[in-house]
C-alpha atoms as a PDB file:
ATOM      1  CA  MET A   1     -42.284 -10.223 121.377  1.00  0.00           C
ATOM      2  CA  ALA A   2     -41.023 -12.439 124.199  1.00  0.00           C
ATOM      3  CA  SER A   3     -37.560 -13.932 123.878  1.00  0.00           C
ATOM      4  CA  THR A   4     -37.056 -17.665 123.461  1.00  0.00           C
ATOM      5  CA  PRO A   5     -36.190 -19.349 126.788  1.00  0.00           C
ATOM      6  CA  ARG A   6     -32.882 -21.157 127.210  1.00  0.00           C
ATOM      7  CA  GLU A   7     -32.869 -24.877 126.410  1.00  0.00           C
ATOM      8  CA  PRO A   8     -34.564 -27.062 127.156  1.00  0.00           C
ATOM      9  CA  TYR A   9     -37.805 -25.346 126.274  1.00  0.00           C
ATOM     10  CA  GLY A  10     -41.114 -26.315 124.730  1.00  0.00           C
ATOM     11  CA  THR A  11     -43.393 -24.779 122.125  1.00  0.00           C
ATOM     12  CA  VAL A  12     -47.157 -25.328 122.399  1.00  0.00           C
ATOM     13  CA  VAL A  13     -48.319 -27.143 119.241  1.00  0.00           C
ATOM     14  CA  ASN A  14     -51.993 -27.609 120.111  1.00  0.00           C
ATOM     15  CA  GLU A  15     -53.943 -24.937 118.199  1.00  0.00           C
ATOM     16  CA  SER A  16     -56.368 -24.364 121.062  1.00  0.00           C
ATOM     17  CA  GLY A  17     -53.552 -23.976 123.630  1.00  0.00           C
ATOM     18  CA  ILE A  18     -52.916 -26.191 126.651  1.00  0.00           C
ATOM     19  CA  ASN A  19     -53.658 -26.328 130.353  1.00  0.00           C
ATOM     20  CA  VAL A  20     -50.884 -26.103 132.931  1.00  0.00           C
ATOM     21  CA  ARG A  21     -51.710 -28.548 135.741  1.00  0.00           C
ATOM     22  CA  GLU A  22     -50.755 -28.656 139.407  1.00  0.00           C
ATOM     23  CA  PHE A  23     -49.652 -32.303 139.019  1.00  0.00           C
ATOM     24  CA  PRO A  24     -48.951 -34.502 135.941  1.00  0.00           C
ATOM     25  CA  SER A  25     -52.531 -35.658 135.425  1.00  0.00           C
ATOM     26  CA  THR A  26     -55.637 -34.388 133.669  1.00  0.00           C
ATOM     27  CA  ASP A  27     -57.462 -34.955 136.981  1.00  0.00           C
ATOM     28  CA  SER A  28     -55.246 -32.297 138.589  1.00  0.00           C
ATOM     29  CA  SER A  29     -56.283 -28.656 138.951  1.00  0.00           C
ATOM     30  CA  VAL A  30     -55.614 -26.246 136.091  1.00  0.00           C
ATOM     31  CA  VAL A  31     -53.300 -23.487 137.382  1.00  0.00           C
ATOM     32  CA  ALA A  32     -52.710 -21.614 134.100  1.00  0.00           C
ATOM     33  CA  ARG A  33     -53.127 -21.828 130.357  1.00  0.00           C
ATOM     34  CA  LEU A  34     -50.541 -21.511 127.579  1.00  0.00           C
ATOM     35  CA  PRO A  35     -51.600 -20.268 124.133  1.00  0.00           C
ATOM     36  CA  TYR A  36     -50.703 -21.868 120.787  1.00  0.00           C
ATOM     37  CA  ARG A  37     -47.058 -21.316 119.752  1.00  0.00           C
ATOM     38  CA  SER A  38     -46.052 -19.923 123.135  1.00  0.00           C
ATOM     39  CA  THR A  39     -42.671 -21.068 124.483  1.00  0.00           C
ATOM     40  CA  VAL A  40     -41.891 -22.099 128.042  1.00  0.00           C
ATOM     41  CA  GLY A  41     -38.801 -23.364 129.875  1.00  0.00           C
ATOM     42  CA  LEU A  42     -38.828 -27.071 130.785  1.00  0.00           C
ATOM     43  CA  ARG A  43     -37.117 -28.227 133.980  1.00  0.00           C
ATOM     44  CA  CYS A  44     -37.556 -31.988 133.665  1.00  0.00           C
ATOM     45  CA  LYS A  45     -39.954 -34.776 132.703  1.00  0.00           C
ATOM     46  CA  VAL A  46     -41.741 -37.740 134.249  1.00  0.00           C
ATOM     47  CA  ARG A  47     -43.771 -40.630 132.902  1.00  0.00           C
ATOM     48  CA  ALA A  48     -47.320 -40.391 134.225  1.00  0.00           C
ATOM     49  CA  GLN A  49     -50.864 -40.402 132.856  1.00  0.00           C
ATOM     50  CA  VAL A  50     -51.096 -41.229 129.150  1.00  0.00           C
ATOM     51  CA  VAL A  51     -52.500 -38.368 127.067  1.00  0.00           C
ATOM     52  CA  ASP A  52     -53.384 -39.345 123.494  1.00  0.00           C
ATOM     53  CA  GLY A  53     -50.731 -42.094 123.440  1.00  0.00           C
ATOM     54  CA  ASN A  54     -47.953 -40.108 125.185  1.00  0.00           C
ATOM     55  CA  ASP A  55     -47.097 -40.697 128.865  1.00  0.00           C
ATOM     56  CA  VAL A  56     -44.523 -37.882 129.233  1.00  0.00           C
ATOM     57  CA  TRP A  57     -45.244 -34.742 131.285  1.00  0.00           C
ATOM     58  CA  TYR A  58     -42.933 -31.740 131.609  1.00  0.00           C
ATOM     59  CA  LEU A  59     -42.377 -29.767 134.802  1.00  0.00           C
ATOM     60  CA  LEU A  60     -42.090 -26.092 133.913  1.00  0.00           C
ATOM     61  CA  ARG A  61     -38.895 -24.307 134.861  1.00  0.00           C
ATOM     62  CA  ASP A  62     -39.994 -20.761 135.638  1.00  0.00           C
ATOM     63  CA  ARG A  63     -43.472 -21.313 137.071  1.00  0.00           C
ATOM     64  CA  ALA A  64     -45.307 -23.960 139.046  1.00  0.00           C
ATOM     65  CA  GLY A  65     -47.034 -26.553 136.927  1.00  0.00           C
ATOM     66  CA  TRP A  66     -46.938 -29.469 134.514  1.00  0.00           C
ATOM     67  CA  VAL A  67     -47.856 -29.805 130.830  1.00  0.00           C
ATOM     68  CA  ALA A  68     -48.589 -32.926 128.790  1.00  0.00           C
ATOM     69  CA  ALA A  69     -45.759 -33.535 126.304  1.00  0.00           C
ATOM     70  CA  ARG A  70     -48.317 -34.634 123.712  1.00  0.00           C
ATOM     71  CA  TYR A  71     -49.060 -30.969 123.006  1.00  0.00           C
ATOM     72  CA  VAL A  72     -45.545 -29.512 123.417  1.00  0.00           C
ATOM     73  CA  ASP A  73     -42.664 -29.707 120.935  1.00  0.00           C
ATOM     74  CA  ASN A  74     -39.442 -29.727 122.961  1.00  0.00           C
ATOM     75  CA  THR A  75     -36.107 -28.183 121.973  1.00  0.00           C
ATOM     76  CA  GLY A  76     -33.042 -29.459 123.801  1.00  0.00           C
ATOM     77  CA  ASN A  77     -32.586 -32.474 126.054  1.00  0.00           C
ATOM     78  CA  VAL A  78     -35.237 -32.668 128.770  1.00  0.00           C
ATOM     79  CA  ARG A  79     -33.906 -34.861 131.562  1.00  0.00           C
ATOM     80  CA  LEU A  80     -35.872 -37.098 133.906  1.00  0.00           C
ATOM     81  CA  CYS A  81     -36.879 -35.308 137.091  1.00  0.00           C
ATOM     82  CA  LYS A  82     -35.207 -37.970 139.242  1.00  0.00           C
ATOM     83  CA  ASP A  83     -31.876 -37.139 137.549  1.00  0.00           C
ATOM     84  CA  VAL A  84     -32.311 -33.388 137.972  1.00  0.00           C
ATOM     85  CA  ALA A  85     -33.202 -33.793 141.663  1.00  0.00           C
ATOM     86  CA  ALA A  86     -30.290 -36.181 142.275  1.00  0.00           C
ATOM     87  CA  GLY A  87     -27.586 -34.325 140.384  1.00  0.00           C
ATOM     88  CA  GLY A  88     -28.691 -30.718 140.098  1.00  0.00           C
ATOM     89  CA  GLU A  89     -29.198 -28.720 136.894  1.00  0.00           C
ATOM     90  CA  GLY A  90     -25.800 -29.534 135.402  1.00  0.00           C
ATOM     91  CA  ALA A  91     -25.717 -33.302 135.870  1.00  0.00           C
ATOM     92  CA  ALA A  92     -25.801 -35.407 132.714  1.00  0.00           C
ATOM     93  CA  ALA A  93     -28.339 -38.167 132.216  1.00  0.00           C
ATOM     94  CA  GLU A  94     -27.000 -40.690 129.746  1.00  0.00           C
ATOM     95  CA  GLY A  95     -29.410 -41.962 127.126  1.00  0.00           C
ATOM     96  CA  ASP A  96     -32.255 -39.692 128.185  1.00  0.00           C
ATOM     97  CA  THR A  97     -33.429 -38.089 124.960  1.00  0.00           C
ATOM     98  CA  ALA A  98     -37.078 -39.187 124.675  1.00  0.00           C
ATOM     99  CA  GLY A  99     -39.851 -36.689 124.937  1.00  0.00           C
END
């Protein structure tokens, strides 16, 4: 059994699994697929295309691609990508707990 990634990470909650996309949009190419209950490291988040009422998308930490937050239960604080890019992995982003 694979170990749980360090925080922040997400767990796939959609029973049929989810697509990993090249960009944060359902119009973007599918680059991989994650099965139900799999866990994956989350680097950061952006607000983009709305998927079933949720406009948050997560950039994966250990592989190229994006997943719609609607189908991922996150553990830990996932920061906005603009804050990660500006301040590196360790920079704090005040008030950024949504998603």
